[in-house]
Amino acid sequence: MDVRYHQGSPLDHLHQLNTQLISEDELILETLILEGNDNQVLLLEDRYVTMRNIFFIPSARLLKNWLEKCGFVDVKIVDICVTSNQEQRRSS
């Protein structure tokens, strides 16, 4: 489960994840994305739904660009699906 969207600096976080991998390792990233395929990002000032400290939600295309910029290779988007209300739970 990704905590990328809780990071104030998404590129620094992705770069740090890349440095933790050993040769031939893979990163499987599950995260929120902005609907659409444009190179866009949602920059949040306060809350995203009821979640605090959510800073950036990129489109899938932009997230792929960020990963490549941070040194990841052979980046693939495997699945895009809508998060339902039933999947949401209150954190303590």
PDB file of N, CA and C in Angstrom:
ATOM      1  N   MET A   1       0.853  -1.178   0.000  1.00  0.00           N
ATOM      2  CA  MET A   1       0.000   0.000   0.000  1.00  0.00           C
ATOM      3  C   MET A   1       0.898   1.240   0.000  1.00  0.00           C
ATOM      4  N   ASP A   2       0.578   2.135  -0.838  1.00  0.00           N
ATOM      5  CA  ASP A   2       1.423   3.316  -1.006  1.00  0.00           C
ATOM      6  C   ASP A   2       1.069   4.399  -0.012  1.00  0.00           C
ATOM      7  N   VAL A   3       2.071   5.027   0.505  1.00  0.00           N
ATOM      8  CA  VAL A   3       1.868   6.229   1.312  1.00  0.00           C
ATOM      9  C   VAL A   3       2.427   7.438   0.563  1.00  0.00           C
ATOM     10  N   ARG A   4       2.652   7.250  -0.744  1.00  0.00           N
ATOM     11  CA  ARG A   4       3.252   8.308  -1.561  1.00  0.00           C
ATOM     12  C   ARG A   4       2.474   9.597  -1.473  1.00  0.00           C
ATOM     13  N   TYR A   5       1.152   9.517  -1.466  1.00  0.00           N
ATOM     14  CA  TYR A   5       0.357  10.729  -1.459  1.00  0.00           C
ATOM     15  C   TYR A   5       0.405  11.465  -0.124  1.00  0.00           C
ATOM     16  N   HIS A   6       0.977  10.835   0.904  1.00  0.00           N
ATOM     17  CA  HIS A   6       1.170  11.512   2.190  1.00  0.00           C
ATOM     18  C   HIS A   6       2.503  12.258   2.235  1.00  0.00           C
ATOM     19  N   GLN A   7       3.290  12.157   1.202  1.00  0.00           N
ATOM     20  CA  GLN A   7       4.618  12.771   1.176  1.00  0.00           C
ATOM     21  C   GLN A   7       4.543  14.179   0.595  1.00  0.00           C
ATOM     22  N   GLY A   8       5.186  15.113   1.272  1.00  0.00           N
ATOM     23  CA  GLY A   8       5.209  16.492   0.792  1.00  0.00           C
ATOM     24  C   GLY A   8       6.049  16.671  -0.454  1.00  0.00           C
ATOM     25  N   SER A   9       6.970  15.738  -0.705  1.00  0.00           N
ATOM     26  CA  SER A   9       7.828  15.801  -1.882  1.00  0.00           C
ATOM     27  C   SER A   9       7.787  14.449  -2.599  1.00  0.00           C
ATOM     28  N   PRO A  10       6.854  14.272  -3.542  1.00  0.00           N
ATOM     29  CA  PRO A  10       6.676  12.960  -4.158  1.00  0.00           C
ATOM     30  C   PRO A  10       7.901  12.442  -4.900  1.00  0.00           C
ATOM     31  N   LEU A  11       8.638  13.319  -5.577  1.00  0.00           N
ATOM     32  CA  LEU A  11       9.817  12.850  -6.307  1.00  0.00           C
ATOM     33  C   LEU A  11      10.900  12.369  -5.351  1.00  0.00           C
ATOM     34  N   ASP A  12      11.106  13.076  -4.248  1.00  0.00           N
ATOM     35  CA  ASP A  12      12.084  12.618  -3.256  1.00  0.00           C
ATOM     36  C   ASP A  12      11.698  11.253  -2.704  1.00  0.00           C
ATOM     37  N   HIS A  13      10.414  11.065  -2.447  1.00  0.00           N
ATOM     38  CA  HIS A  13       9.943   9.789  -1.918  1.00  0.00           C
ATOM     39  C   HIS A  13      10.146   8.661  -2.922  1.00  0.00           C
ATOM     40  N   LEU A  14       9.789   8.882  -4.182  1.00  0.00           N
ATOM     41  CA  LEU A  14       9.973   7.851  -5.198  1.00  0.00           C
ATOM     42  C   LEU A  14      11.446   7.539  -5.410  1.00  0.00           C
ATOM     43  N   HIS A  15      12.280   8.563  -5.380  1.00  0.00           N
ATOM     44  CA  HIS A  15      13.724   8.340  -5.510  1.00  0.00           C
ATOM     45  C   HIS A  15      14.233   7.498  -4.339  1.00  0.00           C
ATOM     46  N   GLN A  16      13.766   7.788  -3.142  1.00  0.00           N
ATOM     47  CA  GLN A  16      14.178   7.014  -1.966  1.00  0.00           C
ATOM     48  C   GLN A  16      13.743   5.554  -2.109  1.00  0.00           C
ATOM     49  N   LEU A  17      12.530   5.319  -2.593  1.00  0.00           N
ATOM     50  CA  LEU A  17      12.075   3.948  -2.813  1.00  0.00           C
ATOM     51  C   LEU A  17      12.995   3.234  -3.808  1.00  0.00           C
ATOM     52  N   ASN A  18      13.394   3.933  -4.855  1.00  0.00           N
ATOM     53  CA  ASN A  18      14.269   3.334  -5.862  1.00  0.00           C
ATOM     54  C   ASN A  18      15.630   2.960  -5.270  1.00  0.00           C
ATOM     55  N   THR A  19      16.150   3.782  -4.381  1.00  0.00           N
ATOM     56  CA  THR A  19      17.459   3.482  -3.788  1.00  0.00           C
ATOM     57  C   THR A  19      17.397   2.293  -2.828  1.00  0.00           C
ATOM     58  N   GLN A  20      16.208   1.924  -2.382  1.00  0.00           N
ATOM     59  CA  GLN A  20      16.058   0.783  -1.471  1.00  0.00           C
ATOM     60  C   GLN A  20      16.024  -0.555  -2.210  1.00  0.00           C
ATOM     61  N   LEU A  21      15.855  -0.513  -3.523  1.00  0.00           N
ATOM     62  CA  LEU A  21      15.769  -1.748  -4.302  1.00  0.00           C
ATOM     63  C   LEU A  21      17.153  -2.284  -4.628  1.00  0.00           C
ATOM     64  N   ILE A  22      17.257  -3.596  -4.648  1.00  0.00           N
ATOM     65  CA  ILE A  22      18.482  -4.265  -5.065  1.00  0.00           C
ATOM     66  C   ILE A  22      18.285  -4.659  -6.525  1.00  0.00           C
ATOM     67  N   SER A  23      19.365  -4.788  -7.253  1.00  0.00           N
ATOM     68  CA  SER A  23      19.300  -5.138  -8.677  1.00  0.00           C
ATOM     69  C   SER A  23      18.299  -6.258  -8.931  1.00  0.00           C
ATOM     70  N   GLU A  24      17.474  -6.075  -9.939  1.00  0.00           N
ATOM     71  CA  GLU A  24      16.432  -7.015 -10.346  1.00  0.00           C
ATOM     72  C   GLU A  24      15.187  -6.993  -9.449  1.00  0.00           C
ATOM     73  N   ASP A  25      15.174  -6.188  -8.378  1.00  0.00           N
ATOM     74  CA  ASP A  25      13.967  -6.050  -7.555  1.00  0.00           C
ATOM     75  C   ASP A  25      12.904  -5.290  -8.334  1.00  0.00           C
ATOM     76  N   GLU A  26      11.656  -5.469  -7.919  1.00  0.00           N
ATOM     77  CA  GLU A  26      10.543  -4.745  -8.517  1.00  0.00           C
ATOM     78  C   GLU A  26       9.792  -3.992  -7.438  1.00  0.00           C
ATOM     79  N   LEU A  27       9.275  -2.846  -7.806  1.00  0.00           N
ATOM     80  CA  LEU A  27       8.402  -2.071  -6.927  1.00  0.00           C
ATOM     81  C   LEU A  27       6.976  -2.238  -7.441  1.00  0.00           C
ATOM     82  N   ILE A  28       6.084  -2.645  -6.571  1.00  0.00           N
ATOM     83  CA  ILE A  28       4.660  -2.684  -6.898  1.00  0.00           C
ATOM     84  C   ILE A  28       4.040  -1.550  -6.110  1.00  0.00           C
ATOM     85  N   LEU A  29       3.517  -0.580  -6.825  1.00  0.00           N
ATOM     86  CA  LEU A  29       3.019   0.646  -6.218  1.00  0.00           C
ATOM     87  C   LEU A  29       1.510   0.718  -6.371  1.00  0.00           C
ATOM     88  N   GLU A  30       0.813   0.766  -5.261  1.00  0.00           N
ATOM     89  CA  GLU A  30      -0.645   0.925  -5.254  1.00  0.00           C
ATOM     90  C   GLU A  30      -0.920   2.284  -4.656  1.00  0.00           C
ATOM     91  N   THR A  31      -1.595   3.138  -5.401  1.00  0.00           N
ATOM     92  CA  THR A  31      -1.759   4.514  -4.949  1.00  0.00           C
ATOM     93  C   THR A  31      -2.993   5.160  -5.560  1.00  0.00           C
ATOM     94  N   LEU A  32      -3.355   6.301  -5.044  1.00  0.00           N
ATOM     95  CA  LEU A  32      -4.425   7.105  -5.628  1.00  0.00           C
ATOM     96  C   LEU A  32      -3.905   7.790  -6.882  1.00  0.00           C
ATOM     97  N   ILE A  33      -4.756   7.887  -7.893  1.00  0.00           N
ATOM     98  CA  ILE A  33      -4.404   8.654  -9.085  1.00  0.00           C
ATOM     99  C   ILE A  33      -5.576   9.536  -9.473  1.00  0.00           C
ATOM    100  N   LEU A  34      -5.263  10.571 -10.205  1.00  0.00           N
ATOM    101  CA  LEU A  34      -6.250  11.491 -10.734  1.00  0.00           C
ATOM    102  C   LEU A  34      -6.843  10.890 -12.006  1.00  0.00           C
ATOM    103  N   GLU A  35      -8.150  10.954 -12.134  1.00  0.00           N
ATOM    104  CA  GLU A  35      -8.813  10.403 -13.311  1.00  0.00           C
ATOM    105  C   GLU A  35      -8.377  11.149 -14.563  1.00  0.00           C
ATOM    106  N   GLY A  36      -8.270  10.429 -15.647  1.00  0.00           N
ATOM    107  CA  GLY A  36      -7.854  11.018 -16.915  1.00  0.00           C
ATOM    108  C   GLY A  36      -6.433  10.619 -17.247  1.00  0.00           C
ATOM    109  N   ASN A  37      -6.034  10.871 -18.486  1.00  0.00           N
ATOM    110  CA  ASN A  37      -4.708  10.439 -18.916  1.00  0.00           C
ATOM    111  C   ASN A  37      -3.796  11.612 -19.261  1.00  0.00           C
ATOM    112  N   ASP A  38      -4.192  12.807 -18.865  1.00  0.00           N
ATOM    113  CA  ASP A  38      -3.328  13.952 -19.103  1.00  0.00           C
ATOM    114  C   ASP A  38      -2.194  13.970 -18.086  1.00  0.00           C
ATOM    115  N   ASN A  39      -1.202  14.753 -18.372  1.00  0.00           N
ATOM    116  CA  ASN A  39      -0.049  14.908 -17.492  1.00  0.00           C
ATOM    117  C   ASN A  39      -0.395  15.952 -16.428  1.00  0.00           C
ATOM    118  N   GLN A  40      -1.268  15.582 -15.477  1.00  0.00           N
ATOM    119  CA  GLN A  40      -1.779  16.549 -14.501  1.00  0.00           C
ATOM    120  C   GLN A  40      -1.595  16.045 -13.075  1.00  0.00           C
ATOM    121  N   VAL A  41      -1.678  16.979 -12.141  1.00  0.00           N
ATOM    122  CA  VAL A  41      -1.613  16.634 -10.722  1.00  0.00           C
ATOM    123  C   VAL A  41      -2.639  17.481  -9.973  1.00  0.00           C
ATOM    124  N   LEU A  42      -3.273  16.868  -8.991  1.00  0.00           N
ATOM    125  CA  LEU A  42      -4.179  17.579  -8.096  1.00  0.00           C
ATOM    126  C   LEU A  42      -3.364  17.975  -6.877  1.00  0.00           C
ATOM    127  N   LEU A  43      -3.224  19.264  -6.658  1.00  0.00           N
ATOM    128  CA  LEU A  43      -2.482  19.799  -5.514  1.00  0.00           C
ATOM    129  C   LEU A  43      -3.505  20.211  -4.470  1.00  0.00           C
ATOM    130  N   LEU A  44      -3.429  19.595  -3.309  1.00  0.00           N
ATOM    131  CA  LEU A  44      -4.449  19.808  -2.284  1.00  0.00           C
ATOM    132  C   LEU A  44      -3.973  20.782  -1.214  1.00  0.00           C
ATOM    133  N   GLU A  45      -4.856  21.663  -0.832  1.00  0.00           N
ATOM    134  CA  GLU A  45      -4.534  22.623   0.216  1.00  0.00           C
ATOM    135  C   GLU A  45      -4.952  22.141   1.592  1.00  0.00           C
ATOM    136  N   ASP A  46      -6.049  21.379   1.660  1.00  0.00           N
ATOM    137  CA  ASP A  46      -6.564  20.986   2.966  1.00  0.00           C
ATOM    138  C   ASP A  46      -6.766  19.482   3.048  1.00  0.00           C
ATOM    139  N   ARG A  47      -7.922  18.984   2.652  1.00  0.00           N
ATOM    140  CA  ARG A  47      -8.243  17.570   2.771  1.00  0.00           C
ATOM    141  C   ARG A  47      -8.675  16.999   1.438  1.00  0.00           C
ATOM    142  N   TYR A  48      -8.440  15.711   1.297  1.00  0.00           N
ATOM    143  CA  TYR A  48      -8.983  14.958   0.169  1.00  0.00           C
ATOM    144  C   TYR A  48      -9.998  14.002   0.784  1.00  0.00           C
ATOM    145  N   VAL A  49     -11.241  14.174   0.438  1.00  0.00           N
ATOM    146  CA  VAL A  49     -12.375  13.551   1.122  1.00  0.00           C
ATOM    147  C   VAL A  49     -12.211  13.796   2.612  1.00  0.00           C
ATOM    148  N   THR A  50     -12.043  12.807   3.420  1.00  0.00           N
ATOM    149  CA  THR A  50     -11.858  13.068   4.858  1.00  0.00           C
ATOM    150  C   THR A  50     -10.419  12.849   5.299  1.00  0.00           C
ATOM    151  N   MET A  51      -9.521  12.611   4.359  1.00  0.00           N
ATOM    152  CA  MET A  51      -8.126  12.324   4.718  1.00  0.00           C
ATOM    153  C   MET A  51      -7.315  13.614   4.824  1.00  0.00           C
ATOM    154  N   ARG A  52      -6.590  13.721   5.911  1.00  0.00           N
ATOM    155  CA  ARG A  52      -5.669  14.847   6.080  1.00  0.00           C
ATOM    156  C   ARG A  52      -4.330  14.492   5.458  1.00  0.00           C
ATOM    157  N   ASN A  53      -3.487  15.433   5.374  1.00  0.00           N
ATOM    158  CA  ASN A  53      -2.106  15.338   4.874  1.00  0.00           C
ATOM    159  C   ASN A  53      -1.973  14.549   3.565  1.00  0.00           C
ATOM    160  N   ILE A  54      -2.878  14.811   2.643  1.00  0.00           N
ATOM    161  CA  ILE A  54      -2.748  14.318   1.275  1.00  0.00           C
ATOM    162  C   ILE A  54      -2.283  15.514   0.460  1.00  0.00           C
ATOM    163  N   PHE A  55      -1.129  15.395  -0.177  1.00  0.00           N
ATOM    164  CA  PHE A  55      -0.539  16.552  -0.833  1.00  0.00           C
ATOM    165  C   PHE A  55      -0.718  16.566  -2.352  1.00  0.00           C
ATOM    166  N   PHE A  56      -0.368  15.475  -3.014  1.00  0.00           N
ATOM    167  CA  PHE A  56      -0.389  15.436  -4.470  1.00  0.00           C
ATOM    168  C   PHE A  56      -1.067  14.161  -4.941  1.00  0.00           C
ATOM    169  N   ILE A  57      -1.991  14.282  -5.894  1.00  0.00           N
ATOM    170  CA  ILE A  57      -2.564  13.115  -6.547  1.00  0.00           C
ATOM    171  C   ILE A  57      -2.335  13.311  -8.047  1.00  0.00           C
ATOM    172  N   PRO A  58      -1.401  12.544  -8.620  1.00  0.00           N
ATOM    173  CA  PRO A  58      -1.087  12.707 -10.040  1.00  0.00           C
ATOM    174  C   PRO A  58      -1.988  11.845 -10.920  1.00  0.00           C
ATOM    175  N   SER A  59      -2.037  12.182 -12.193  1.00  0.00           N
ATOM    176  CA  SER A  59      -2.653  11.277 -13.168  1.00  0.00           C
ATOM    177  C   SER A  59      -1.725  10.072 -13.316  1.00  0.00           C
ATOM    178  N   ALA A  60      -2.245   8.995 -13.879  1.00  0.00           N
ATOM    179  CA  ALA A  60      -1.420   7.800 -14.104  1.00  0.00           C
ATOM    180  C   ALA A  60      -0.230   8.123 -15.002  1.00  0.00           C
ATOM    181  N   ARG A  61      -0.482   8.928 -16.011  1.00  0.00           N
ATOM    182  CA  ARG A  61       0.586   9.308 -16.942  1.00  0.00           C
ATOM    183  C   ARG A  61       1.693  10.085 -16.229  1.00  0.00           C
ATOM    184  N   LEU A  62       1.306  11.028 -15.380  1.00  0.00           N
ATOM    185  CA  LEU A  62       2.308  11.804 -14.648  1.00  0.00           C
ATOM    186  C   LEU A  62       3.053  10.928 -13.653  1.00  0.00           C
ATOM    187  N   LEU A  63       2.350  10.033 -12.965  1.00  0.00           N
ATOM    188  CA  LEU A  63       3.016   9.132 -12.029  1.00  0.00           C
ATOM    189  C   LEU A  63       4.057   8.283 -12.761  1.00  0.00           C
ATOM    190  N   LYS A  64       3.710   7.790 -13.932  1.00  0.00           N
ATOM    191  CA  LYS A  64       4.676   7.022 -14.735  1.00  0.00           C
ATOM    192  C   LYS A  64       5.893   7.882 -15.071  1.00  0.00           C
ATOM    193  N   ASN A  65       5.665   9.128 -15.446  1.00  0.00           N
ATOM    194  CA  ASN A  65       6.778  10.047 -15.739  1.00  0.00           C
ATOM    195  C   ASN A  65       7.642  10.278 -14.505  1.00  0.00           C
ATOM    196  N   TRP A  66       6.995  10.468 -13.332  1.00  0.00           N
ATOM    197  CA  TRP A  66       7.744  10.652 -12.088  1.00  0.00           C
ATOM    198  C   TRP A  66       8.627   9.433 -11.806  1.00  0.00           C
ATOM    199  N   LEU A  67       8.058   8.237 -11.948  1.00  0.00           N
ATOM    200  CA  LEU A  67       8.824   7.012 -11.679  1.00  0.00           C
ATOM    201  C   LEU A  67      10.028   6.913 -12.608  1.00  0.00           C
ATOM    202  N   GLU A  68       9.837   7.203 -13.881  1.00  0.00           N
ATOM    203  CA  GLU A  68      10.948   7.155 -14.831  1.00  0.00           C
ATOM    204  C   GLU A  68      11.990   8.215 -14.509  1.00  0.00           C
ATOM    205  N   LYS A  69      11.553   9.393 -14.112  1.00  0.00           N
ATOM    206  CA  LYS A  69      12.479  10.469 -13.738  1.00  0.00           C
ATOM    207  C   LYS A  69      13.323  10.068 -12.528  1.00  0.00           C
ATOM    208  N   CYS A  70      12.758   9.241 -11.662  1.00  0.00           N
ATOM    209  CA  CYS A  70      13.459   8.800 -10.442  1.00  0.00           C
ATOM    210  C   CYS A  70      14.268   7.527 -10.667  1.00  0.00           C
ATOM    211  N   GLY A  71      14.415   7.106 -11.920  1.00  0.00           N
ATOM    212  CA  GLY A  71      15.312   6.007 -12.238  1.00  0.00           C
ATOM    213  C   GLY A  71      14.667   4.643 -12.406  1.00  0.00           C
ATOM    214  N   PHE A  72      13.363   4.545 -12.274  1.00  0.00           N
ATOM    215  CA  PHE A  72      12.693   3.262 -12.497  1.00  0.00           C
ATOM    216  C   PHE A  72      12.653   2.988 -14.000  1.00  0.00           C
ATOM    217  N   VAL A  73      12.803   1.720 -14.358  1.00  0.00           N
ATOM    218  CA  VAL A  73      12.775   1.332 -15.765  1.00  0.00           C
ATOM    219  C   VAL A  73      11.658   0.318 -15.984  1.00  0.00           C
ATOM    220  N   ASP A  74      11.217   0.228 -17.217  1.00  0.00           N
ATOM    221  CA  ASP A  74      10.157  -0.712 -17.593  1.00  0.00           C
ATOM    222  C   ASP A  74       8.913  -0.515 -16.730  1.00  0.00           C
ATOM    223  N   VAL A  75       8.501   0.739 -16.562  1.00  0.00           N
ATOM    224  CA  VAL A  75       7.342   1.088 -15.740  1.00  0.00           C
ATOM    225  C   VAL A  75       6.065   0.683 -16.463  1.00  0.00           C
ATOM    226  N   LYS A  76       5.232  -0.073 -15.764  1.00  0.00           N
ATOM    227  CA  LYS A  76       3.971  -0.528 -16.356  1.00  0.00           C
ATOM    228  C   LYS A  76       2.819  -0.188 -15.419  1.00  0.00           C
ATOM    229  N   ILE A  77       1.739   0.285 -15.997  1.00  0.00           N
ATOM    230  CA  ILE A  77       0.496   0.461 -15.244  1.00  0.00           C
ATOM    231  C   ILE A  77      -0.307  -0.807 -15.462  1.00  0.00           C
ATOM    232  N   VAL A  78      -0.504  -1.553 -14.397  1.00  0.00           N
ATOM    233  CA  VAL A  78      -1.126  -2.860 -14.507  1.00  0.00           C
ATOM    234  C   VAL A  78      -2.639  -2.775 -14.425  1.00  0.00           C
ATOM    235  N   ASP A  79      -3.144  -1.890 -13.562  1.00  0.00           N
ATOM    236  CA  ASP A  79      -4.587  -1.826 -13.363  1.00  0.00           C
ATOM    237  C   ASP A  79      -4.969  -0.439 -12.859  1.00  0.00           C
ATOM    238  N   ILE A  80      -6.098   0.037 -13.319  1.00  0.00           N
ATOM    239  CA  ILE A  80      -6.682   1.267 -12.791  1.00  0.00           C
ATOM    240  C   ILE A  80      -8.121   0.933 -12.428  1.00  0.00           C
ATOM    241  N   CYS A  81      -8.476   1.144 -11.181  1.00  0.00           N
ATOM    242  CA  CYS A  81      -9.848   0.852 -10.758  1.00  0.00           C
ATOM    243  C   CYS A  81     -10.307   1.920  -9.770  1.00  0.00           C
ATOM    244  N   VAL A  82     -11.606   2.051  -9.669  1.00  0.00           N
ATOM    245  CA  VAL A  82     -12.206   3.033  -8.778  1.00  0.00           C
ATOM    246  C   VAL A  82     -12.217   2.488  -7.360  1.00  0.00           C
ATOM    247  N   THR A  83     -11.842   3.327  -6.406  1.00  0.00           N
ATOM    248  CA  THR A  83     -11.915   2.958  -5.005  1.00  0.00           C
ATOM    249  C   THR A  83     -13.336   3.214  -4.528  1.00  0.00           C
ATOM    250  N   SER A  84     -13.955   2.194  -3.991  1.00  0.00           N
ATOM    251  CA  SER A  84     -15.335   2.331  -3.543  1.00  0.00           C
ATOM    252  C   SER A  84     -15.407   2.809  -2.094  1.00  0.00           C
ATOM    253  N   ASN A  85     -16.575   3.277  -1.698  1.00  0.00           N
ATOM    254  CA  ASN A  85     -16.781   3.687  -0.311  1.00  0.00           C
ATOM    255  C   ASN A  85     -16.577   2.523   0.652  1.00  0.00           C
ATOM    256  N   GLN A  86     -16.885   1.306   0.224  1.00  0.00           N
ATOM    257  CA  GLN A  86     -16.734   0.137   1.078  1.00  0.00           C
ATOM    258  C   GLN A  86     -15.266  -0.146   1.405  1.00  0.00           C
ATOM    259  N   GLU A  87     -14.355   0.308   0.547  1.00  0.00           N
ATOM    260  CA  GLU A  87     -12.938   0.089   0.781  1.00  0.00           C
ATOM    261  C   GLU A  87     -12.352   1.096   1.769  1.00  0.00           C
ATOM    262  N   GLN A  88     -13.034   2.184   1.979  1.00  0.00           N
ATOM    263  CA  GLN A  88     -12.537   3.236   2.866  1.00  0.00           C
ATOM    264  C   GLN A  88     -12.801   2.852   4.307  1.00  0.00           C
ATOM    265  N   ARG A  89     -11.858   3.143   5.151  1.00  0.00           N
ATOM    266  CA  ARG A  89     -12.056   2.920   6.566  1.00  0.00           C
ATOM    267  C   ARG A  89     -11.441   4.060   7.351  1.00  0.00           C
ATOM    268  N   ARG A  90     -11.958   4.301   8.496  1.00  0.00           N
ATOM    269  CA  ARG A  90     -11.461   5.374   9.340  1.00  0.00           C
ATOM    270  C   ARG A  90     -10.144   4.947   9.966  1.00  0.00           C
ATOM    271  N   SER A  91      -9.177   5.834   9.920  1.00  0.00           N
ATOM    272  CA  SER A  91      -7.901   5.544  10.591  1.00  0.00           C
ATOM    273  C   SER A  91      -7.926   6.200  11.956  1.00  0.00           C
ATOM    274  N   SER A  92      -7.196   5.600  12.880  1.00  0.00           N
ATOM    275  CA  SER A  92      -7.240   6.155  14.247  1.00  0.00           C
ATOM    276  C   SER A  92      -6.125   7.124  14.502  1.00  0.00           C
TER     277      SER A  92
END
